[in-house]
């Protein structure tokens, strides 16, 4: 009888350790998006107005959300701010004190929790103001999406995280395209 009791305790201990290991593994699935994966690293073939080069300052990022303990992969304001700043730097557009002030407001971030193919959709409002003329030169909601297939990653939380990162990255690419299509004067 005492042997059985000791054996049961042993299995309870192993079960606790296994539960802890699985919990630790899954918590990695919901860690916040890394800005290194979100910002646009490659240099697209866009030509920007000379007035924009090294002349855009990011002044406000809102609408992001900290991660939820329910395994919902969300993107915080801080991560969005860093990713947007790095994207602008990679394009030669960022300045600490530029003429143009850019704000980003995350309007909506949607992605299903458990789906075979995970599609994330992001709607972000960008507002760019010229500090000299006090005019808003860009005020646009940009919608982007990205789908991660089950074959690319069979683990649902990782699929969702990747889809969210790529949807934001696509959104930044569309913003860069819009900036390249406009003429800005000094």
C-alpha atoms as a PDB file:
ATOM      1  CA  UNK A   1       0.000   0.000   0.000  1.00  0.00           C
ATOM      2  CA  UNK A   2       2.776   2.415   0.872  1.00  0.00           C
ATOM      3  CA  UNK A   3       4.486   1.517  -2.388  1.00  0.00           C
ATOM      4  CA  UNK A   4       1.394   2.417  -4.383  1.00  0.00           C
ATOM      5  CA  UNK A   5       1.087   5.751  -2.631  1.00  0.00           C
ATOM      6  CA  UNK A   6       4.729   6.535  -3.382  1.00  0.00           C
ATOM      7  CA  UNK A   7       4.245   5.537  -7.022  1.00  0.00           C
ATOM      8  CA  UNK A   8       1.180   7.759  -7.385  1.00  0.00           C
ATOM      9  CA  UNK A   9       3.079  10.721  -5.928  1.00  0.00           C
ATOM     10  CA  UNK A  10       5.874  10.057  -8.379  1.00  0.00           C
ATOM     11  CA  UNK A  11       3.447  10.160 -11.335  1.00  0.00           C
ATOM     12  CA  UNK A  12       1.790  13.307 -10.003  1.00  0.00           C
ATOM     13  CA  UNK A  13       5.244  14.926  -9.906  1.00  0.00           C
ATOM     14  CA  UNK A  14       6.018  13.856 -13.481  1.00  0.00           C
ATOM     15  CA  UNK A  15       2.628  15.133 -14.591  1.00  0.00           C
ATOM     16  CA  UNK A  16       3.343  18.503 -12.949  1.00  0.00           C
ATOM     17  CA  UNK A  17       6.720  18.737 -14.660  1.00  0.00           C
ATOM     18  CA  UNK A  18       5.167  17.797 -18.015  1.00  0.00           C
ATOM     19  CA  UNK A  19       2.425  20.389 -17.539  1.00  0.00           C
ATOM     20  CA  UNK A  20       5.051  23.035 -16.701  1.00  0.00           C
ATOM     21  CA  UNK A  21       7.142  22.135 -19.788  1.00  0.00           C
ATOM     22  CA  UNK A  22       4.119  22.283 -22.111  1.00  0.00           C
ATOM     23  CA  UNK A  23       3.019  25.598 -20.557  1.00  0.00           C
ATOM     24  CA  UNK A  24       6.496  27.046 -21.017  1.00  0.00           C
ATOM     25  CA  UNK A  25       6.555  25.881 -24.651  1.00  0.00           C
ATOM     26  CA  UNK A  26       3.145  27.351 -25.406  1.00  0.00           C
ATOM     27  CA  UNK A  27       3.943  30.634 -23.688  1.00  0.00           C
ATOM     28  CA  UNK A  28       6.640  31.089 -26.317  1.00  0.00           C
ATOM     29  CA  UNK A  29       3.891  30.884 -28.918  1.00  0.00           C
ATOM     30  CA  UNK A  30       2.256  34.000 -27.565  1.00  0.00           C
ATOM     31  CA  UNK A  31       5.263  36.153 -26.906  1.00  0.00           C
ATOM     32  CA  UNK A  32       4.929  39.594 -28.485  1.00  0.00           C
ATOM     33  CA  UNK A  33       5.760  40.125 -32.108  1.00  0.00           C
ATOM     34  CA  UNK A  34       9.359  41.034 -32.680  1.00  0.00           C
ATOM     35  CA  UNK A  35       9.870  44.271 -34.572  1.00  0.00           C
ATOM     36  CA  UNK A  36      12.800  42.725 -36.454  1.00  0.00           C
ATOM     37  CA  UNK A  37      10.323  40.460 -38.232  1.00  0.00           C
ATOM     38  CA  UNK A  38       7.814  43.210 -38.917  1.00  0.00           C
ATOM     39  CA  UNK A  39       9.732  46.113 -40.399  1.00  0.00           C
ATOM     40  CA  UNK A  40      10.559  46.161 -44.087  1.00  0.00           C
ATOM     41  CA  UNK A  41      14.210  45.186 -44.397  1.00  0.00           C
ATOM     42  CA  UNK A  42      14.601  45.000 -48.149  1.00  0.00           C
ATOM     43  CA  UNK A  43      14.774  48.181 -50.126  1.00  0.00           C
ATOM     44  CA  UNK A  44      11.805  48.320 -52.498  1.00  0.00           C
ATOM     45  CA  UNK A  45      12.231  49.936 -55.878  1.00  0.00           C
ATOM     46  CA  UNK A  46      10.415  53.077 -54.763  1.00  0.00           C
ATOM     47  CA  UNK A  47      11.631  56.556 -55.511  1.00  0.00           C
ATOM     48  CA  UNK A  48      10.638  59.106 -52.899  1.00  0.00           C
ATOM     49  CA  UNK A  49      10.340  62.851 -53.172  1.00  0.00           C
ATOM     50  CA  UNK A  50      13.538  64.589 -52.032  1.00  0.00           C
ATOM     51  CA  UNK A  51      11.472  66.502 -49.468  1.00  0.00           C
ATOM     52  CA  UNK A  52      10.681  63.223 -47.659  1.00  0.00           C
ATOM     53  CA  UNK A  53      14.218  61.876 -47.463  1.00  0.00           C
ATOM     54  CA  UNK A  54      15.415  61.897 -43.835  1.00  0.00           C
ATOM     55  CA  UNK A  55      12.451  64.132 -43.011  1.00  0.00           C
ATOM     56  CA  UNK A  56       9.725  61.967 -41.380  1.00  0.00           C
ATOM     57  CA  UNK A  57       9.363  61.714 -37.619  1.00  0.00           C
ATOM     58  CA  UNK A  58       7.098  59.160 -35.952  1.00  0.00           C
ATOM     59  CA  UNK A  59       5.185  61.108 -33.298  1.00  0.00           C
ATOM     60  CA  UNK A  60       2.418  58.767 -32.234  1.00  0.00           C
ATOM     61  CA  UNK A  61       1.480  55.113 -32.383  1.00  0.00           C
ATOM     62  CA  UNK A  62      -1.801  53.968 -30.846  1.00  0.00           C
ATOM     63  CA  UNK A  63      -4.252  51.098 -30.994  1.00  0.00           C
ATOM     64  CA  UNK A  64      -1.823  48.282 -30.365  1.00  0.00           C
ATOM     65  CA  UNK A  65      -2.482  45.826 -27.571  1.00  0.00           C
ATOM     66  CA  UNK A  66      -0.308  43.910 -25.161  1.00  0.00           C
ATOM     67  CA  UNK A  67      -0.435  40.129 -25.413  1.00  0.00           C
ATOM     68  CA  UNK A  68      -3.340  38.334 -23.827  1.00  0.00           C
ATOM     69  CA  UNK A  69      -2.832  35.302 -21.606  1.00  0.00           C
ATOM     70  CA  UNK A  70      -5.371  33.526 -23.824  1.00  0.00           C
ATOM     71  CA  UNK A  71      -2.779  32.956 -26.559  1.00  0.00           C
ATOM     72  CA  UNK A  72      -3.980  35.811 -28.705  1.00  0.00           C
ATOM     73  CA  UNK A  73      -0.954  37.108 -30.523  1.00  0.00           C
ATOM     74  CA  UNK A  74      -1.222  40.884 -30.438  1.00  0.00           C
ATOM     75  CA  UNK A  75       1.134  43.717 -31.261  1.00  0.00           C
ATOM     76  CA  UNK A  76       1.875  46.471 -28.745  1.00  0.00           C
ATOM     77  CA  UNK A  77       2.221  50.186 -29.475  1.00  0.00           C
ATOM     78  CA  UNK A  78       5.906  49.991 -28.595  1.00  0.00           C
ATOM     79  CA  UNK A  79       6.558  47.161 -31.072  1.00  0.00           C
ATOM     80  CA  UNK A  80       4.607  48.991 -33.794  1.00  0.00           C
ATOM     81  CA  UNK A  81       6.509  52.217 -33.117  1.00  0.00           C
ATOM     82  CA  UNK A  82       9.889  50.498 -33.310  1.00  0.00           C
ATOM     83  CA  UNK A  83       8.925  48.565 -36.445  1.00  0.00           C
ATOM     84  CA  UNK A  84       7.614  51.684 -38.221  1.00  0.00           C
ATOM     85  CA  UNK A  85      10.695  53.689 -37.238  1.00  0.00           C
ATOM     86  CA  UNK A  86      13.021  50.931 -38.495  1.00  0.00           C
ATOM     87  CA  UNK A  87      11.040  50.682 -41.725  1.00  0.00           C
ATOM     88  CA  UNK A  88      11.411  54.415 -42.358  1.00  0.00           C
ATOM     89  CA  UNK A  89      15.128  54.228 -41.481  1.00  0.00           C
ATOM     90  CA  UNK A  90      15.646  51.375 -43.955  1.00  0.00           C
ATOM     91  CA  UNK A  91      14.184  53.588 -46.677  1.00  0.00           C
ATOM     92  CA  UNK A  92      16.218  56.673 -45.750  1.00  0.00           C
ATOM     93  CA  UNK A  93      13.059  58.558 -44.700  1.00  0.00           C
ATOM     94  CA  UNK A  94      13.380  58.761 -40.907  1.00  0.00           C
ATOM     95  CA  UNK A  95      14.522  61.782 -38.927  1.00  0.00           C
ATOM     96  CA  UNK A  96      14.458  62.498 -35.195  1.00  0.00           C
ATOM     97  CA  UNK A  97      13.114  65.991 -35.919  1.00  0.00           C
ATOM     98  CA  UNK A  98      11.780  65.999 -39.474  1.00  0.00           C
ATOM     99  CA  UNK A  99       9.427  68.384 -41.208  1.00  0.00           C
ATOM    100  CA  UNK A 100       6.767  65.691 -41.568  1.00  0.00           C
ATOM    101  CA  UNK A 101       5.087  64.137 -38.525  1.00  0.00           C
ATOM    102  CA  UNK A 102       3.665  60.633 -38.954  1.00  0.00           C
ATOM    103  CA  UNK A 103       1.084  59.045 -36.676  1.00  0.00           C
ATOM    104  CA  UNK A 104      -0.113  55.460 -36.838  1.00  0.00           C
ATOM    105  CA  UNK A 105      -3.372  54.216 -35.377  1.00  0.00           C
ATOM    106  CA  UNK A 106      -4.101  50.496 -35.424  1.00  0.00           C
ATOM    107  CA  UNK A 107      -7.790  50.396 -36.277  1.00  0.00           C
ATOM    108  CA  UNK A 108      -8.275  46.633 -36.457  1.00  0.00           C
ATOM    109  CA  UNK A 109      -6.202  43.457 -36.296  1.00  0.00           C
ATOM    110  CA  UNK A 110      -8.123  40.276 -37.032  1.00  0.00           C
ATOM    111  CA  UNK A 111      -6.970  36.686 -37.285  1.00  0.00           C
ATOM    112  CA  UNK A 112      -8.772  33.455 -36.422  1.00  0.00           C
ATOM    113  CA  UNK A 113      -7.534  31.509 -33.423  1.00  0.00           C
ATOM    114  CA  UNK A 114      -7.549  27.995 -34.833  1.00  0.00           C
ATOM    115  CA  UNK A 115      -7.728  27.591 -38.556  1.00  0.00           C
ATOM    116  CA  UNK A 116      -5.986  25.299 -40.984  1.00  0.00           C
ATOM    117  CA  UNK A 117      -4.796  28.258 -43.035  1.00  0.00           C
ATOM    118  CA  UNK A 118      -4.472  31.352 -40.878  1.00  0.00           C
ATOM    119  CA  UNK A 119      -5.279  34.705 -42.476  1.00  0.00           C
ATOM    120  CA  UNK A 120      -4.557  37.897 -40.559  1.00  0.00           C
ATOM    121  CA  UNK A 121      -5.925  41.266 -41.592  1.00  0.00           C
ATOM    122  CA  UNK A 122      -4.675  44.657 -40.421  1.00  0.00           C
ATOM    123  CA  UNK A 123      -6.321  48.053 -40.858  1.00  0.00           C
ATOM    124  CA  UNK A 124      -4.067  50.964 -39.960  1.00  0.00           C
ATOM    125  CA  UNK A 125      -4.683  54.693 -40.287  1.00  0.00           C
ATOM    126  CA  UNK A 126      -1.645  56.790 -41.167  1.00  0.00           C
ATOM    127  CA  UNK A 127      -1.658  60.568 -40.883  1.00  0.00           C
ATOM    128  CA  UNK A 128       1.259  62.624 -42.179  1.00  0.00           C
ATOM    129  CA  UNK A 129       1.356  66.318 -41.335  1.00  0.00           C
ATOM    130  CA  UNK A 130       3.618  68.992 -42.801  1.00  0.00           C
ATOM    131  CA  UNK A 131       4.781  71.066 -39.825  1.00  0.00           C
ATOM    132  CA  UNK A 132       5.635  74.079 -42.008  1.00  0.00           C
ATOM    133  CA  UNK A 133       2.271  74.449 -43.763  1.00  0.00           C
ATOM    134  CA  UNK A 134       0.291  72.750 -40.950  1.00  0.00           C
ATOM    135  CA  UNK A 135      -1.485  70.693 -43.622  1.00  0.00           C
ATOM    136  CA  UNK A 136      -2.295  67.025 -43.415  1.00  0.00           C
ATOM    137  CA  UNK A 137      -0.717  65.645 -46.575  1.00  0.00           C
ATOM    138  CA  UNK A 138      -1.717  62.020 -46.056  1.00  0.00           C
ATOM    139  CA  UNK A 139      -4.624  60.601 -44.072  1.00  0.00           C
ATOM    140  CA  UNK A 140      -5.375  57.077 -45.165  1.00  0.00           C
ATOM    141  CA  UNK A 141      -6.630  53.777 -43.811  1.00  0.00           C
ATOM    142  CA  UNK A 142      -4.577  50.963 -45.291  1.00  0.00           C
ATOM    143  CA  UNK A 143      -5.896  47.404 -45.173  1.00  0.00           C
ATOM    144  CA  UNK A 144      -3.583  44.461 -45.694  1.00  0.00           C
ATOM    145  CA  UNK A 145      -3.717  40.752 -45.098  1.00  0.00           C
ATOM    146  CA  UNK A 146      -1.499  37.728 -45.139  1.00  0.00           C
ATOM    147  CA  UNK A 147      -2.221  33.998 -45.049  1.00  0.00           C
ATOM    148  CA  UNK A 148       0.044  31.372 -43.507  1.00  0.00           C
ATOM    149  CA  UNK A 149      -0.698  27.852 -44.704  1.00  0.00           C
ATOM    150  CA  UNK A 150      -0.835  24.831 -42.431  1.00  0.00           C
ATOM    151  CA  UNK A 151       2.000  23.288 -44.474  1.00  0.00           C
ATOM    152  CA  UNK A 152       4.235  26.277 -43.631  1.00  0.00           C
ATOM    153  CA  UNK A 153       3.704  25.848 -39.905  1.00  0.00           C
ATOM    154  CA  UNK A 154       1.448  23.180 -38.377  1.00  0.00           C
ATOM    155  CA  UNK A 155       1.363  24.827 -34.916  1.00  0.00           C
ATOM    156  CA  UNK A 156      -1.638  27.183 -34.799  1.00  0.00           C
ATOM    157  CA  UNK A 157      -0.286  29.854 -32.398  1.00  0.00           C
ATOM    158  CA  UNK A 158       2.900  30.206 -34.465  1.00  0.00           C
ATOM    159  CA  UNK A 159       0.848  30.397 -37.678  1.00  0.00           C
ATOM    160  CA  UNK A 160      -1.230  33.169 -36.174  1.00  0.00           C
ATOM    161  CA  UNK A 161       1.826  35.067 -34.923  1.00  0.00           C
ATOM    162  CA  UNK A 162       3.489  34.866 -38.337  1.00  0.00           C
ATOM    163  CA  UNK A 163       0.292  35.927 -40.124  1.00  0.00           C
ATOM    164  CA  UNK A 164      -0.010  38.978 -37.850  1.00  0.00           C
ATOM    165  CA  UNK A 165       3.628  39.967 -38.401  1.00  0.00           C
ATOM    166  CA  UNK A 166       3.364  39.586 -42.169  1.00  0.00           C
ATOM    167  CA  UNK A 167       0.043  41.491 -42.353  1.00  0.00           C
ATOM    168  CA  UNK A 168       1.696  44.452 -40.597  1.00  0.00           C
ATOM    169  CA  UNK A 169       4.744  44.163 -42.837  1.00  0.00           C
ATOM    170  CA  UNK A 170       2.474  44.223 -45.922  1.00  0.00           C
ATOM    171  CA  UNK A 171       0.733  47.290 -44.487  1.00  0.00           C
ATOM    172  CA  UNK A 172       4.067  49.098 -44.139  1.00  0.00           C
ATOM    173  CA  UNK A 173       4.943  48.200 -47.744  1.00  0.00           C
ATOM    174  CA  UNK A 174       1.678  49.732 -48.956  1.00  0.00           C
ATOM    175  CA  UNK A 175       2.409  52.878 -46.911  1.00  0.00           C
ATOM    176  CA  UNK A 176       5.833  53.154 -48.567  1.00  0.00           C
ATOM    177  CA  UNK A 177       4.222  52.747 -51.978  1.00  0.00           C
ATOM    178  CA  UNK A 178       1.733  55.548 -51.174  1.00  0.00           C
ATOM    179  CA  UNK A 179       4.558  57.822 -50.020  1.00  0.00           C
ATOM    180  CA  UNK A 180       6.463  57.177 -53.250  1.00  0.00           C
ATOM    181  CA  UNK A 181       3.406  58.119 -55.351  1.00  0.00           C
ATOM    182  CA  UNK A 182       3.045  61.590 -53.871  1.00  0.00           C
ATOM    183  CA  UNK A 183       5.048  64.682 -54.598  1.00  0.00           C
ATOM    184  CA  UNK A 184       6.188  66.698 -51.603  1.00  0.00           C
ATOM    185  CA  UNK A 185       7.765  70.124 -52.022  1.00  0.00           C
ATOM    186  CA  UNK A 186      10.186  71.854 -49.732  1.00  0.00           C
END
